[in-house]
Amino acid sequence: MDRAGLGVLISGGGRTLRNIHEHIEAGKLPATIVCVISSRPDAPGVQQARRLGFKVYVVPRAEVPDPDFHEGIGRHLSEADVDLVCMAGFCCLWRIPPVFEGQVINIHPALLPDFGGKGFYGRRVHVAVLAAGCKTSGCTVHFCDNQYDHGPIILQRRVPVLPDDTPETLAARVFQQECDAYPEAIRIVAQPRTHTHRS
C-alpha cells in the first residue's frame, strides 16, 4: 500500500505529532512523517521529533523576516516531497503557496467556525467555550487557507461540556477526540494524493 508522506508543522510540545506517529507505528495510518518544521527553536516538540528520528527544520517566526518565514517553510516541504502538510499545534499563519493549496490541514480544539481565529489556541479556546456557557465543544479538522482556522471542514468530533469543567478538564476531553479525529482525517484526505513511489 502506498504511504502518504506527511510534513508536520509544530510550535509547541509535539503532542499531536506524537499521536500521529503512534498511529503510524500501530499500523493504523498508512503514512510516513518525512519532515517536521517548527516555528520555535525552543519548542519541546523539536527535541521529541529528533528523538523519534525525524528530519527537523526550524524556521523561527520571531527571528526571520516575514517573506523568509513563508518561503522557508515551503522550501523545506517541497524538498521533502510531502504529499500532505499537517499543522499540529502550529501557532503561526503560514501563507500557503499555490503549489500546496488544498494540501494543508489543521486540527482546532473547538467546533469551528465558533472559537476560531487569531489568538484562539490552546487553553484560550477552552476558557472562551466555558465563558460562553456552551453545552458542547469538540474538535475540527479542516483544510487550511490563508486565514486563521478557516477553510473547508473535513470532520468534527463533539464532547459534552460538564457543569464542573475547568479549561484543563475540557481540554483533556477534547484532546481524546483529537487523537482519533486527526488520523482519520489524514486517512480520508491523503490516500488519493500518495505518490506511487512510496511503499
N, C-alpha and C. Protein backbone atom coordinates (compact mmCIF):
# COMPACT_ATOMS: atom_id res chain seq x y z
N MET A 1 0.84 -1.20 0.00
CA MET A 1 0.00 0.00 0.00
C MET A 1 0.87 1.24 0.00
N ASP A 2 0.51 2.21 -0.84
CA ASP A 2 1.25 3.47 -0.85
C ASP A 2 1.06 4.19 0.47
N ARG A 3 2.10 4.88 0.89
CA ARG A 3 2.06 5.60 2.16
C ARG A 3 2.21 7.09 1.88
N ALA A 4 1.32 7.88 2.47
CA ALA A 4 1.36 9.32 2.29
C ALA A 4 2.56 9.90 3.04
N GLY A 5 3.29 10.79 2.39
CA GLY A 5 4.40 11.47 3.05
C GLY A 5 3.90 12.75 3.71
N LEU A 6 4.03 12.82 5.02
CA LEU A 6 3.50 13.94 5.78
C LEU A 6 4.60 14.91 6.18
N GLY A 7 4.33 16.19 6.03
CA GLY A 7 5.14 17.24 6.63
C GLY A 7 4.36 17.82 7.79
N VAL A 8 4.92 17.79 8.99
CA VAL A 8 4.19 18.20 10.19
C VAL A 8 4.77 19.52 10.71
N LEU A 9 3.90 20.50 10.90
CA LEU A 9 4.30 21.81 11.40
C LEU A 9 3.92 21.93 12.87
N ILE A 10 4.89 22.33 13.71
CA ILE A 10 4.66 22.42 15.16
C ILE A 10 5.15 23.77 15.69
N SER A 11 4.62 24.13 16.86
CA SER A 11 5.12 25.30 17.58
C SER A 11 5.33 25.02 19.06
N GLY A 12 4.86 23.86 19.54
CA GLY A 12 4.87 23.60 20.97
C GLY A 12 5.44 22.26 21.34
N GLY A 13 4.68 21.52 22.15
CA GLY A 13 5.19 20.31 22.77
C GLY A 13 5.24 19.08 21.89
N GLY A 14 4.57 19.11 20.75
CA GLY A 14 4.62 17.96 19.85
C GLY A 14 3.68 16.84 20.20
N ARG A 15 2.66 17.13 21.02
CA ARG A 15 1.74 16.07 21.44
C ARG A 15 0.96 15.49 20.25
N THR A 16 0.51 16.35 19.36
CA THR A 16 -0.23 15.88 18.19
C THR A 16 0.69 15.13 17.23
N LEU A 17 1.92 15.61 17.08
CA LEU A 17 2.91 14.90 16.29
C LEU A 17 3.10 13.49 16.83
N ARG A 18 3.23 13.36 18.13
CA ARG A 18 3.43 12.04 18.73
C ARG A 18 2.22 11.14 18.49
N ASN A 19 1.02 11.72 18.56
CA ASN A 19 -0.18 10.93 18.32
C ASN A 19 -0.21 10.39 16.89
N ILE A 20 0.14 11.24 15.92
CA ILE A 20 0.18 10.78 14.53
C ILE A 20 1.22 9.66 14.38
N HIS A 21 2.38 9.86 14.97
CA HIS A 21 3.45 8.85 14.92
C HIS A 21 2.98 7.53 15.51
N GLU A 22 2.28 7.58 16.63
CA GLU A 22 1.82 6.35 17.29
C GLU A 22 0.81 5.61 16.42
N HIS A 23 -0.05 6.33 15.73
CA HIS A 23 -1.00 5.68 14.83
C HIS A 23 -0.27 5.03 13.66
N ILE A 24 0.76 5.68 13.16
CA ILE A 24 1.55 5.09 12.07
C ILE A 24 2.25 3.82 12.55
N GLU A 25 2.88 3.91 13.72
CA GLU A 25 3.61 2.76 14.26
C GLU A 25 2.70 1.58 14.54
N ALA A 26 1.46 1.86 14.92
CA ALA A 26 0.50 0.80 15.23
C ALA A 26 -0.14 0.21 13.97
N GLY A 27 0.24 0.73 12.80
CA GLY A 27 -0.32 0.22 11.56
C GLY A 27 -1.71 0.72 11.26
N LYS A 28 -2.13 1.78 11.96
CA LYS A 28 -3.48 2.31 11.77
C LYS A 28 -3.55 3.44 10.75
N LEU A 29 -2.39 3.95 10.35
CA LEU A 29 -2.36 5.08 9.44
C LEU A 29 -1.28 4.85 8.39
N PRO A 30 -1.66 4.64 7.13
CA PRO A 30 -0.66 4.36 6.09
C PRO A 30 0.02 5.64 5.64
N ALA A 31 0.97 6.08 6.43
CA ALA A 31 1.67 7.35 6.16
C ALA A 31 3.08 7.26 6.70
N THR A 32 3.90 8.22 6.29
CA THR A 32 5.26 8.38 6.79
C THR A 32 5.48 9.85 7.08
N ILE A 33 6.02 10.17 8.24
CA ILE A 33 6.38 11.55 8.55
C ILE A 33 7.74 11.81 7.93
N VAL A 34 7.77 12.62 6.88
CA VAL A 34 9.02 12.82 6.15
C VAL A 34 9.79 14.05 6.63
N CYS A 35 9.11 14.98 7.28
CA CYS A 35 9.83 16.09 7.90
C CYS A 35 8.94 16.78 8.93
N VAL A 36 9.59 17.44 9.87
CA VAL A 36 8.91 18.24 10.90
C VAL A 36 9.51 19.64 10.85
N ILE A 37 8.65 20.65 10.87
CA ILE A 37 9.11 22.03 10.85
C ILE A 37 8.54 22.75 12.06
N SER A 38 9.40 23.41 12.82
CA SER A 38 8.97 24.15 14.00
C SER A 38 9.16 25.65 13.79
N SER A 39 8.20 26.41 14.30
CA SER A 39 8.32 27.87 14.23
C SER A 39 9.09 28.43 15.41
N ARG A 40 9.49 27.55 16.35
CA ARG A 40 10.23 28.00 17.53
C ARG A 40 11.41 27.05 17.78
N PRO A 41 12.61 27.60 17.93
CA PRO A 41 13.76 26.71 18.19
C PRO A 41 13.68 26.05 19.56
N ASP A 42 12.98 26.69 20.51
CA ASP A 42 12.91 26.15 21.87
C ASP A 42 11.66 25.31 22.12
N ALA A 43 10.89 25.01 21.08
CA ALA A 43 9.69 24.20 21.26
C ALA A 43 10.08 22.79 21.74
N PRO A 44 9.46 22.29 22.81
CA PRO A 44 9.79 20.94 23.28
C PRO A 44 9.60 19.88 22.20
N GLY A 45 8.69 20.13 21.27
CA GLY A 45 8.45 19.15 20.22
C GLY A 45 9.63 18.95 19.30
N VAL A 46 10.55 19.92 19.24
CA VAL A 46 11.73 19.79 18.38
C VAL A 46 12.59 18.62 18.86
N GLN A 47 12.90 18.61 20.14
CA GLN A 47 13.72 17.52 20.68
C GLN A 47 12.99 16.18 20.60
N GLN A 48 11.69 16.20 20.83
CA GLN A 48 10.92 14.97 20.74
C GLN A 48 10.97 14.41 19.31
N ALA A 49 10.82 15.30 18.33
CA ALA A 49 10.85 14.86 16.94
C ALA A 49 12.22 14.28 16.59
N ARG A 50 13.28 14.91 17.09
CA ARG A 50 14.62 14.40 16.81
C ARG A 50 14.84 13.04 17.47
N ARG A 51 14.32 12.88 18.69
CA ARG A 51 14.44 11.58 19.36
C ARG A 51 13.73 10.48 18.57
N LEU A 52 12.64 10.85 17.92
CA LEU A 52 11.89 9.87 17.13
C LEU A 52 12.54 9.62 15.77
N GLY A 53 13.59 10.37 15.47
CA GLY A 53 14.34 10.13 14.24
C GLY A 53 13.87 10.90 13.03
N PHE A 54 13.05 11.91 13.23
CA PHE A 54 12.53 12.68 12.10
C PHE A 54 13.51 13.75 11.66
N LYS A 55 13.46 14.09 10.39
CA LYS A 55 14.21 15.23 9.87
C LYS A 55 13.50 16.49 10.36
N VAL A 56 14.21 17.34 11.09
CA VAL A 56 13.60 18.50 11.73
C VAL A 56 14.24 19.79 11.21
N TYR A 57 13.41 20.74 10.87
CA TYR A 57 13.86 22.07 10.47
C TYR A 57 13.22 23.10 11.41
N VAL A 58 13.97 24.14 11.71
CA VAL A 58 13.44 25.25 12.50
C VAL A 58 13.44 26.49 11.62
N VAL A 59 12.25 27.07 11.47
CA VAL A 59 12.11 28.34 10.76
C VAL A 59 11.52 29.32 11.77
N PRO A 60 12.36 30.04 12.51
CA PRO A 60 11.90 30.80 13.68
C PRO A 60 11.08 32.04 13.30
N ARG A 61 9.81 32.00 13.63
CA ARG A 61 8.90 33.09 13.29
C ARG A 61 9.38 34.42 13.85
N ALA A 62 9.96 34.39 15.07
CA ALA A 62 10.36 35.63 15.73
C ALA A 62 11.69 36.20 15.23
N GLU A 63 12.41 35.42 14.43
CA GLU A 63 13.78 35.82 14.11
C GLU A 63 14.04 36.06 12.63
N VAL A 64 13.12 35.68 11.76
CA VAL A 64 13.38 35.84 10.33
C VAL A 64 12.37 36.80 9.73
N PRO A 65 12.76 37.53 8.69
CA PRO A 65 11.81 38.43 8.02
C PRO A 65 10.61 37.66 7.49
N ASP A 66 9.49 38.36 7.39
CA ASP A 66 8.23 37.73 7.00
C ASP A 66 8.34 36.91 5.71
N PRO A 67 8.88 37.47 4.63
CA PRO A 67 8.94 36.66 3.40
C PRO A 67 9.80 35.40 3.56
N ASP A 68 10.88 35.50 4.33
CA ASP A 68 11.76 34.35 4.51
C ASP A 68 11.08 33.24 5.31
N PHE A 69 10.23 33.63 6.25
CA PHE A 69 9.50 32.64 7.04
C PHE A 69 8.60 31.80 6.13
N HIS A 70 7.78 32.46 5.36
CA HIS A 70 6.84 31.75 4.50
C HIS A 70 7.57 30.94 3.43
N GLU A 71 8.59 31.54 2.83
CA GLU A 71 9.33 30.85 1.78
C GLU A 71 10.11 29.66 2.34
N GLY A 72 10.68 29.83 3.54
CA GLY A 72 11.47 28.76 4.14
C GLY A 72 10.64 27.52 4.41
N ILE A 73 9.44 27.70 4.93
CA ILE A 73 8.58 26.55 5.18
C ILE A 73 8.26 25.84 3.87
N GLY A 74 7.86 26.60 2.87
CA GLY A 74 7.53 25.99 1.59
C GLY A 74 8.70 25.26 0.96
N ARG A 75 9.89 25.83 1.09
CA ARG A 75 11.08 25.20 0.51
C ARG A 75 11.37 23.85 1.17
N HIS A 76 11.33 23.81 2.50
CA HIS A 76 11.60 22.54 3.19
C HIS A 76 10.57 21.48 2.84
N LEU A 77 9.31 21.87 2.76
CA LEU A 77 8.25 20.91 2.42
C LEU A 77 8.43 20.39 1.00
N SER A 78 8.79 21.29 0.09
CA SER A 78 8.98 20.88 -1.30
C SER A 78 10.17 19.93 -1.43
N GLU A 79 11.26 20.26 -0.74
CA GLU A 79 12.45 19.41 -0.81
C GLU A 79 12.19 18.03 -0.22
N ALA A 80 11.29 17.97 0.77
CA ALA A 80 10.95 16.68 1.39
C ALA A 80 9.93 15.90 0.57
N ASP A 81 9.37 16.54 -0.45
CA ASP A 81 8.42 15.87 -1.35
C ASP A 81 7.19 15.37 -0.59
N VAL A 82 6.61 16.23 0.22
CA VAL A 82 5.47 15.81 1.03
C VAL A 82 4.21 15.71 0.19
N ASP A 83 3.32 14.81 0.59
CA ASP A 83 2.01 14.69 -0.03
C ASP A 83 0.97 15.55 0.68
N LEU A 84 1.14 15.69 2.00
CA LEU A 84 0.15 16.40 2.80
C LEU A 84 0.85 17.11 3.94
N VAL A 85 0.46 18.36 4.19
CA VAL A 85 1.03 19.14 5.29
C VAL A 85 0.02 19.13 6.43
N CYS A 86 0.48 18.74 7.63
CA CYS A 86 -0.38 18.65 8.80
C CYS A 86 0.08 19.66 9.84
N MET A 87 -0.73 20.67 10.09
CA MET A 87 -0.43 21.60 11.18
C MET A 87 -0.81 20.92 12.49
N ALA A 88 0.12 20.90 13.43
CA ALA A 88 -0.07 20.16 14.67
C ALA A 88 0.34 21.05 15.84
N GLY A 89 -0.57 21.93 16.24
CA GLY A 89 -0.21 22.91 17.26
C GLY A 89 0.70 23.97 16.69
N PHE A 90 0.49 24.33 15.44
CA PHE A 90 1.29 25.35 14.76
C PHE A 90 0.59 26.68 14.94
N CYS A 91 1.21 27.59 15.67
CA CYS A 91 0.53 28.81 16.11
C CYS A 91 0.83 30.04 15.26
N CYS A 92 1.26 29.82 14.03
CA CYS A 92 1.58 30.93 13.13
C CYS A 92 0.72 30.84 11.88
N LEU A 93 0.55 31.97 11.24
CA LEU A 93 -0.11 31.97 9.95
C LEU A 93 0.96 31.78 8.88
N TRP A 94 0.84 30.70 8.13
CA TRP A 94 1.74 30.44 7.01
C TRP A 94 1.00 30.74 5.72
N ARG A 95 1.54 31.65 4.93
CA ARG A 95 0.93 31.95 3.64
C ARG A 95 1.20 30.79 2.69
N ILE A 96 0.17 30.04 2.39
CA ILE A 96 0.30 28.81 1.62
C ILE A 96 0.53 29.13 0.16
N PRO A 97 1.65 28.69 -0.40
CA PRO A 97 1.92 28.96 -1.82
C PRO A 97 1.00 28.12 -2.71
N PRO A 98 0.80 28.54 -3.95
CA PRO A 98 -0.12 27.81 -4.84
C PRO A 98 0.17 26.33 -4.95
N VAL A 99 1.44 25.94 -4.91
CA VAL A 99 1.77 24.53 -5.07
C VAL A 99 1.21 23.67 -3.95
N PHE A 100 0.93 24.26 -2.79
CA PHE A 100 0.40 23.49 -1.66
C PHE A 100 -1.07 23.76 -1.37
N GLU A 101 -1.73 24.51 -2.21
CA GLU A 101 -3.16 24.77 -1.99
C GLU A 101 -3.94 23.45 -2.03
N GLY A 102 -4.81 23.26 -1.04
CA GLY A 102 -5.58 22.03 -0.95
C GLY A 102 -4.81 20.86 -0.38
N GLN A 103 -3.59 21.11 0.09
CA GLN A 103 -2.76 20.03 0.64
C GLN A 103 -2.32 20.30 2.07
N VAL A 104 -2.99 21.25 2.75
CA VAL A 104 -2.63 21.62 4.11
C VAL A 104 -3.87 21.48 4.99
N ILE A 105 -3.73 20.73 6.10
CA ILE A 105 -4.84 20.57 7.02
C ILE A 105 -4.41 20.93 8.43
N ASN A 106 -5.40 21.21 9.27
CA ASN A 106 -5.15 21.64 10.65
C ASN A 106 -6.21 21.03 11.54
N ILE A 107 -5.87 20.85 12.81
CA ILE A 107 -6.86 20.46 13.81
C ILE A 107 -6.98 21.57 14.83
N HIS A 108 -8.23 21.90 15.17
CA HIS A 108 -8.51 23.01 16.10
C HIS A 108 -9.38 22.47 17.23
N PRO A 109 -9.08 22.87 18.48
CA PRO A 109 -9.79 22.30 19.63
C PRO A 109 -11.12 22.98 19.95
N ALA A 110 -11.94 23.18 18.93
CA ALA A 110 -13.29 23.71 19.10
C ALA A 110 -14.08 23.38 17.85
N LEU A 111 -15.37 23.64 17.90
CA LEU A 111 -16.24 23.35 16.78
C LEU A 111 -16.33 24.59 15.89
N LEU A 112 -15.40 24.66 14.94
CA LEU A 112 -15.40 25.79 14.02
C LEU A 112 -16.73 25.83 13.25
N PRO A 113 -17.21 27.04 12.91
CA PRO A 113 -16.49 28.32 12.92
C PRO A 113 -16.46 29.05 14.27
N ASP A 114 -17.04 28.45 15.31
CA ASP A 114 -17.01 29.11 16.62
C ASP A 114 -15.63 28.95 17.27
N PHE A 115 -15.22 29.96 18.00
CA PHE A 115 -14.00 29.94 18.81
C PHE A 115 -12.75 29.66 17.98
N GLY A 116 -12.69 30.28 16.81
CA GLY A 116 -11.51 30.18 15.97
C GLY A 116 -11.03 31.57 15.58
N GLY A 117 -9.87 31.62 14.96
CA GLY A 117 -9.31 32.89 14.52
C GLY A 117 -8.05 33.22 15.28
N LYS A 118 -7.45 34.33 14.94
CA LYS A 118 -6.19 34.75 15.56
C LYS A 118 -6.35 34.86 17.08
N GLY A 119 -5.42 34.27 17.80
CA GLY A 119 -5.44 34.33 19.26
C GLY A 119 -6.20 33.20 19.92
N PHE A 120 -6.98 32.45 19.15
CA PHE A 120 -7.71 31.32 19.71
C PHE A 120 -6.90 30.04 19.52
N TYR A 121 -6.13 29.71 20.54
CA TYR A 121 -5.35 28.47 20.50
C TYR A 121 -5.17 27.98 21.93
N GLY A 122 -4.93 26.69 22.07
CA GLY A 122 -4.65 26.11 23.38
C GLY A 122 -5.71 26.41 24.42
N ARG A 123 -5.25 26.73 25.62
CA ARG A 123 -6.15 26.95 26.76
C ARG A 123 -7.15 28.07 26.51
N ARG A 124 -6.75 29.06 25.71
CA ARG A 124 -7.62 30.20 25.46
C ARG A 124 -8.95 29.77 24.84
N VAL A 125 -8.90 28.75 24.00
CA VAL A 125 -10.12 28.27 23.36
C VAL A 125 -11.08 27.74 24.40
N HIS A 126 -10.58 26.92 25.30
CA HIS A 126 -11.45 26.28 26.29
C HIS A 126 -11.98 27.28 27.31
N VAL A 127 -11.18 28.27 27.66
CA VAL A 127 -11.66 29.35 28.52
C VAL A 127 -12.84 30.06 27.87
N ALA A 128 -12.72 30.33 26.58
CA ALA A 128 -13.78 31.03 25.87
C ALA A 128 -15.05 30.18 25.76
N VAL A 129 -14.89 28.89 25.52
CA VAL A 129 -16.05 27.99 25.44
C VAL A 129 -16.81 27.98 26.76
N LEU A 130 -16.07 27.87 27.86
CA LEU A 130 -16.71 27.85 29.17
C LEU A 130 -17.36 29.20 29.50
N ALA A 131 -16.69 30.28 29.15
CA ALA A 131 -17.24 31.61 29.42
C ALA A 131 -18.53 31.85 28.65
N ALA A 132 -18.65 31.23 27.49
CA ALA A 132 -19.85 31.41 26.67
C ALA A 132 -21.01 30.51 27.12
N GLY A 133 -20.74 29.62 28.06
CA GLY A 133 -21.80 28.75 28.57
C GLY A 133 -22.22 27.65 27.60
N CYS A 134 -21.33 27.24 26.73
CA CYS A 134 -21.67 26.21 25.75
C CYS A 134 -21.92 24.86 26.42
N LYS A 135 -22.84 24.10 25.85
CA LYS A 135 -23.16 22.77 26.36
C LYS A 135 -22.33 21.69 25.67
N THR A 136 -21.79 22.00 24.50
CA THR A 136 -20.94 21.06 23.78
C THR A 136 -19.71 21.79 23.24
N SER A 137 -18.65 21.03 23.08
CA SER A 137 -17.46 21.53 22.40
C SER A 137 -16.92 20.38 21.57
N GLY A 138 -15.67 20.44 21.19
CA GLY A 138 -15.12 19.36 20.40
C GLY A 138 -13.91 19.80 19.62
N CYS A 139 -13.68 19.15 18.50
CA CYS A 139 -12.53 19.49 17.66
C CYS A 139 -12.94 19.46 16.20
N THR A 140 -12.18 20.17 15.40
CA THR A 140 -12.45 20.28 13.97
C THR A 140 -11.16 20.05 13.19
N VAL A 141 -11.22 19.21 12.18
CA VAL A 141 -10.12 19.10 11.23
C VAL A 141 -10.59 19.75 9.93
N HIS A 142 -9.75 20.65 9.41
CA HIS A 142 -10.18 21.40 8.23
C HIS A 142 -9.00 21.64 7.30
N PHE A 143 -9.32 21.89 6.04
CA PHE A 143 -8.32 22.36 5.10
C PHE A 143 -7.96 23.80 5.45
N CYS A 144 -6.70 24.16 5.23
CA CYS A 144 -6.23 25.50 5.56
C CYS A 144 -6.20 26.39 4.33
N ASP A 145 -6.52 27.65 4.57
CA ASP A 145 -6.26 28.68 3.58
C ASP A 145 -5.41 29.75 4.27
N ASN A 146 -5.43 30.95 3.76
CA ASN A 146 -4.55 31.97 4.33
C ASN A 146 -5.23 32.83 5.38
N GLN A 147 -6.17 32.23 6.12
CA GLN A 147 -6.77 32.85 7.29
C GLN A 147 -6.67 31.86 8.45
N TYR A 148 -6.60 32.39 9.67
CA TYR A 148 -6.56 31.51 10.84
C TYR A 148 -7.85 30.69 10.95
N ASP A 149 -7.69 29.38 11.14
CA ASP A 149 -8.81 28.48 11.45
C ASP A 149 -9.95 28.62 10.46
N HIS A 150 -9.60 28.68 9.18
CA HIS A 150 -10.58 28.91 8.14
C HIS A 150 -10.31 27.92 7.02
N GLY A 151 -11.34 27.55 6.30
CA GLY A 151 -11.20 26.60 5.21
C GLY A 151 -12.21 25.48 5.37
N PRO A 152 -12.45 24.71 4.31
CA PRO A 152 -13.47 23.65 4.35
C PRO A 152 -13.22 22.63 5.46
N ILE A 153 -14.30 22.28 6.15
CA ILE A 153 -14.22 21.31 7.25
C ILE A 153 -14.20 19.89 6.70
N ILE A 154 -13.29 19.08 7.22
CA ILE A 154 -13.19 17.67 6.84
C ILE A 154 -14.04 16.82 7.78
N LEU A 155 -13.88 17.01 9.08
CA LEU A 155 -14.70 16.31 10.05
C LEU A 155 -14.65 17.03 11.39
N GLN A 156 -15.64 16.74 12.23
CA GLN A 156 -15.70 17.27 13.59
C GLN A 156 -16.06 16.16 14.56
N ARG A 157 -15.61 16.30 15.80
CA ARG A 157 -16.00 15.39 16.87
C ARG A 157 -16.49 16.24 18.05
N ARG A 158 -17.57 15.81 18.67
CA ARG A 158 -18.18 16.59 19.75
C ARG A 158 -17.97 15.93 21.10
N VAL A 159 -17.90 16.76 22.13
CA VAL A 159 -17.86 16.28 23.51
C VAL A 159 -18.81 17.15 24.34
N PRO A 160 -19.35 16.60 25.43
CA PRO A 160 -20.18 17.43 26.30
C PRO A 160 -19.32 18.37 27.13
N VAL A 161 -19.86 19.52 27.44
CA VAL A 161 -19.25 20.42 28.42
C VAL A 161 -19.98 20.18 29.74
N LEU A 162 -19.26 19.73 30.75
CA LEU A 162 -19.87 19.36 32.02
C LEU A 162 -19.96 20.56 32.95
N PRO A 163 -20.92 20.54 33.88
CA PRO A 163 -21.12 21.69 34.76
C PRO A 163 -19.89 22.08 35.59
N ASP A 164 -19.08 21.09 35.95
CA ASP A 164 -17.91 21.38 36.80
C ASP A 164 -16.62 21.45 36.00
N ASP A 165 -16.71 21.58 34.68
CA ASP A 165 -15.50 21.61 33.85
C ASP A 165 -14.64 22.83 34.16
N THR A 166 -13.34 22.61 34.08
CA THR A 166 -12.34 23.68 34.05
C THR A 166 -11.75 23.68 32.63
N PRO A 167 -11.00 24.70 32.27
CA PRO A 167 -10.35 24.64 30.95
C PRO A 167 -9.49 23.39 30.78
N GLU A 168 -8.88 22.93 31.85
CA GLU A 168 -7.99 21.76 31.76
C GLU A 168 -8.80 20.47 31.56
N THR A 169 -9.89 20.30 32.29
CA THR A 169 -10.66 19.06 32.13
C THR A 169 -11.35 19.02 30.77
N LEU A 170 -11.82 20.17 30.32
CA LEU A 170 -12.43 20.21 28.99
C LEU A 170 -11.38 19.94 27.91
N ALA A 171 -10.21 20.55 28.06
CA ALA A 171 -9.13 20.33 27.09
C ALA A 171 -8.77 18.85 27.00
N ALA A 172 -8.73 18.16 28.14
CA ALA A 172 -8.37 16.74 28.14
C ALA A 172 -9.42 15.92 27.39
N ARG A 173 -10.70 16.25 27.59
CA ARG A 173 -11.76 15.52 26.91
C ARG A 173 -11.74 15.78 25.41
N VAL A 174 -11.48 17.01 25.03
CA VAL A 174 -11.39 17.34 23.61
C VAL A 174 -10.19 16.64 22.97
N PHE A 175 -9.06 16.63 23.68
CA PHE A 175 -7.86 16.00 23.10
C PHE A 175 -8.05 14.51 22.88
N GLN A 176 -8.83 13.86 23.73
CA GLN A 176 -9.13 12.44 23.50
C GLN A 176 -9.77 12.24 22.13
N GLN A 177 -10.65 13.16 21.76
CA GLN A 177 -11.29 13.07 20.44
C GLN A 177 -10.30 13.44 19.32
N GLU A 178 -9.44 14.41 19.60
CA GLU A 178 -8.44 14.80 18.60
C GLU A 178 -7.56 13.60 18.21
N CYS A 179 -7.25 12.77 19.19
CA CYS A 179 -6.33 11.66 18.96
C CYS A 179 -6.85 10.68 17.91
N ASP A 180 -8.17 10.57 17.78
CA ASP A 180 -8.75 9.73 16.74
C ASP A 180 -9.13 10.53 15.50
N ALA A 181 -9.56 11.78 15.71
CA ALA A 181 -10.08 12.57 14.60
C ALA A 181 -9.00 12.93 13.58
N TYR A 182 -7.81 13.32 14.07
CA TYR A 182 -6.79 13.77 13.13
C TYR A 182 -6.28 12.62 12.25
N PRO A 183 -5.94 11.47 12.83
CA PRO A 183 -5.53 10.36 11.96
C PRO A 183 -6.62 9.95 10.97
N GLU A 184 -7.88 9.99 11.42
CA GLU A 184 -8.97 9.64 10.50
C GLU A 184 -9.03 10.63 9.33
N ALA A 185 -8.90 11.91 9.64
CA ALA A 185 -8.93 12.93 8.59
C ALA A 185 -7.75 12.76 7.63
N ILE A 186 -6.58 12.44 8.17
CA ILE A 186 -5.41 12.21 7.31
C ILE A 186 -5.67 11.05 6.36
N ARG A 187 -6.27 9.99 6.87
CA ARG A 187 -6.60 8.84 6.01
C ARG A 187 -7.56 9.26 4.89
N ILE A 188 -8.56 10.05 5.25
CA ILE A 188 -9.56 10.49 4.26
C ILE A 188 -8.91 11.32 3.17
N VAL A 189 -8.05 12.25 3.58
CA VAL A 189 -7.50 13.23 2.64
C VAL A 189 -6.30 12.70 1.88
N ALA A 190 -5.45 11.94 2.55
CA ALA A 190 -4.13 11.63 1.98
C ALA A 190 -4.14 10.51 0.97
N GLN A 191 -5.01 9.55 1.09
CA GLN A 191 -4.90 8.37 0.25
C GLN A 191 -4.92 8.66 -1.25
N PRO A 192 -5.81 9.53 -1.73
CA PRO A 192 -5.78 9.79 -3.17
C PRO A 192 -4.54 10.57 -3.63
N ARG A 193 -3.78 11.14 -2.67
CA ARG A 193 -2.68 12.01 -3.02
C ARG A 193 -1.33 11.31 -3.01
N THR A 194 -1.28 10.09 -2.52
CA THR A 194 0.02 9.47 -2.29
C THR A 194 0.78 9.24 -3.59
N HIS A 195 2.08 9.42 -3.50
CA HIS A 195 2.96 9.14 -4.63
C HIS A 195 3.12 7.63 -4.78
N THR A 196 3.18 7.16 -6.00
CA THR A 196 3.29 5.72 -6.22
C THR A 196 4.66 5.18 -5.84
N HIS A 197 5.66 6.07 -5.67
CA HIS A 197 7.00 5.55 -5.37
C HIS A 197 7.18 5.23 -3.90
N ARG A 198 6.21 5.60 -3.05
CA ARG A 198 6.35 5.30 -1.62
C ARG A 198 5.77 3.92 -1.34
N SER A 199 6.43 3.18 -0.47
CA SER A 199 5.93 1.85 -0.12
C SER A 199 6.20 1.57 1.34
